[in-house]
Amino acid sequence: MKPLQLSYIYLVIAIICEAIATSALKSAEGFTRLTPSVIVIVGYAISFYLLSMVLKTIPVGITYATWSGLGVLLVSIIGIVAFKQIPDTAAVIGMSLIVGGILVMHVFSKTLHQ
């Protein structure tokens, strides 16, 4: 497997871990509940470790934009499913623009291929 392909696998796993950790923050209730608090700490630790591995091959701007943008989308989906937090039209449009920006960056930017 090529380093760039492996980096994208790491990035996807980092995004998933970050989204799980962020979602567990609600249940951790200010770190007063042990199990959700452990999920938060472990999830962020794995996410940041993998993010550091990704940065060896993918530029920091591309990495962070993808990580944060897709993390927002995934946390929103978790919010809908787990917490019944339905985004309004403006939120959906905003998230669509974020995902669109990430796609434009990956398809058209030469930064990734330098």
Protein backbone atom coordinates (compact mmCIF):
# COMPACT_ATOMS: atom_id res chain seq x y z
CA MET A 1 0.00 0.00 0.00
CA LYS A 2 1.33 3.44 -0.94
CA PRO A 3 2.07 5.98 1.83
CA LEU A 4 -0.61 8.37 0.55
CA GLN A 5 -3.26 5.63 0.56
CA LEU A 6 -2.26 4.59 4.08
CA SER A 7 -2.43 8.23 5.17
CA TYR A 8 -6.01 8.47 3.96
CA ILE A 9 -6.92 5.33 5.88
CA TYR A 10 -5.34 6.86 8.99
CA LEU A 11 -7.21 10.09 8.34
CA VAL A 12 -10.58 8.32 8.09
CA ILE A 13 -9.92 6.43 11.32
CA ALA A 14 -8.78 9.68 13.01
CA ILE A 15 -12.00 11.40 11.93
CA ILE A 16 -14.13 8.54 13.25
CA CYS A 17 -12.28 8.49 16.60
CA GLU A 18 -12.58 12.27 16.93
CA ALA A 19 -16.30 12.18 16.17
CA ILE A 20 -16.89 9.42 18.73
CA ALA A 21 -14.85 11.32 21.33
CA THR A 22 -16.66 14.58 20.65
CA SER A 23 -20.04 12.86 20.85
CA ALA A 24 -19.06 11.21 24.14
CA LEU A 25 -18.38 14.65 25.64
CA LYS A 26 -22.13 15.17 26.00
CA SER A 27 -22.49 11.94 27.99
CA ALA A 28 -19.34 12.62 30.06
CA GLU A 29 -21.19 15.48 31.79
CA GLY A 30 -18.10 17.56 32.47
CA PHE A 31 -15.94 14.47 33.01
CA THR A 32 -18.06 13.38 35.98
CA ARG A 33 -18.98 10.02 34.38
CA LEU A 34 -16.12 7.53 34.03
CA THR A 35 -16.96 5.49 30.94
CA PRO A 36 -17.83 8.37 28.60
CA SER A 37 -14.82 10.31 29.96
CA VAL A 38 -12.51 7.41 29.09
CA ILE A 39 -14.04 7.26 25.59
CA VAL A 40 -13.32 10.98 25.16
CA ILE A 41 -9.70 10.71 26.27
CA VAL A 42 -8.91 7.52 24.33
CA GLY A 43 -10.76 8.73 21.22
CA TYR A 44 -8.89 12.01 21.10
CA ALA A 45 -5.55 10.33 21.85
CA ILE A 46 -5.98 7.90 18.95
CA SER A 47 -7.26 10.64 16.68
CA PHE A 48 -4.34 12.98 17.35
CA TYR A 49 -1.78 10.19 17.05
CA LEU A 50 -3.18 9.15 13.66
CA LEU A 51 -3.40 12.79 12.61
CA SER A 52 0.31 13.16 13.35
CA MET A 53 1.01 10.14 11.14
CA VAL A 54 -1.05 11.62 8.30
CA LEU A 55 0.96 14.84 8.45
CA LYS A 56 4.05 12.94 7.28
CA THR A 57 2.56 12.73 3.76
CA ILE A 58 -0.37 15.13 3.47
CA PRO A 59 0.05 18.92 3.94
CA VAL A 60 -1.24 20.29 7.23
CA GLY A 61 -3.86 22.58 5.62
CA ILE A 62 -5.38 19.77 3.57
CA THR A 63 -5.24 17.37 6.53
CA TYR A 64 -6.83 19.75 9.01
CA ALA A 65 -9.53 20.96 6.62
CA THR A 66 -10.52 17.37 5.87
CA TRP A 67 -10.32 16.24 9.49
CA SER A 68 -12.31 19.12 10.90
CA GLY A 69 -14.82 19.40 8.06
CA LEU A 70 -15.71 15.74 7.87
CA GLY A 71 -15.64 15.60 11.68
CA VAL A 72 -18.34 18.29 11.78
CA LEU A 73 -20.45 16.28 9.37
CA LEU A 74 -19.99 13.00 11.26
CA VAL A 75 -20.69 14.56 14.66
CA SER A 76 -23.85 16.11 13.23
CA ILE A 77 -24.98 12.72 11.94
CA ILE A 78 -24.26 11.17 15.35
CA GLY A 79 -26.22 14.03 16.94
CA ILE A 80 -29.21 13.24 14.73
CA VAL A 81 -29.12 9.50 15.43
CA ALA A 82 -28.04 9.38 19.09
CA PHE A 83 -29.40 12.62 20.52
CA LYS A 84 -32.29 13.45 18.15
CA GLN A 85 -30.69 16.85 17.41
CA ILE A 86 -32.08 17.66 13.98
CA PRO A 87 -30.20 20.45 12.15
CA ASP A 88 -32.23 23.16 10.49
CA THR A 89 -31.99 24.11 6.81
CA ALA A 90 -29.22 26.67 7.36
CA ALA A 91 -27.09 24.09 9.21
CA VAL A 92 -27.58 21.53 6.43
CA ILE A 93 -26.63 24.12 3.79
CA GLY A 94 -23.55 25.12 5.81
CA MET A 95 -22.41 21.52 6.21
CA SER A 96 -22.99 20.91 2.51
CA LEU A 97 -20.74 23.87 1.71
CA ILE A 98 -18.04 22.47 4.02
CA VAL A 99 -18.16 19.07 2.31
CA GLY A 100 -18.21 20.78 -1.10
CA GLY A 101 -15.13 22.77 -0.15
CA ILE A 102 -13.30 19.63 0.91
CA LEU A 103 -14.20 17.93 -2.37
CA VAL A 104 -13.04 20.95 -4.41
CA MET A 105 -9.78 21.00 -2.48
CA HIS A 106 -9.09 17.29 -3.04
CA VAL A 107 -10.14 17.22 -6.69
CA PHE A 108 -8.70 20.50 -7.96
CA SER A 109 -5.92 21.61 -5.60
CA LYS A 110 -2.35 20.95 -6.66
CA THR A 111 -1.21 21.35 -3.03
CA LEU A 112 -1.76 17.67 -2.28
CA HIS A 113 0.35 16.56 -5.21
CA GLN A 114 3.43 18.72 -4.63
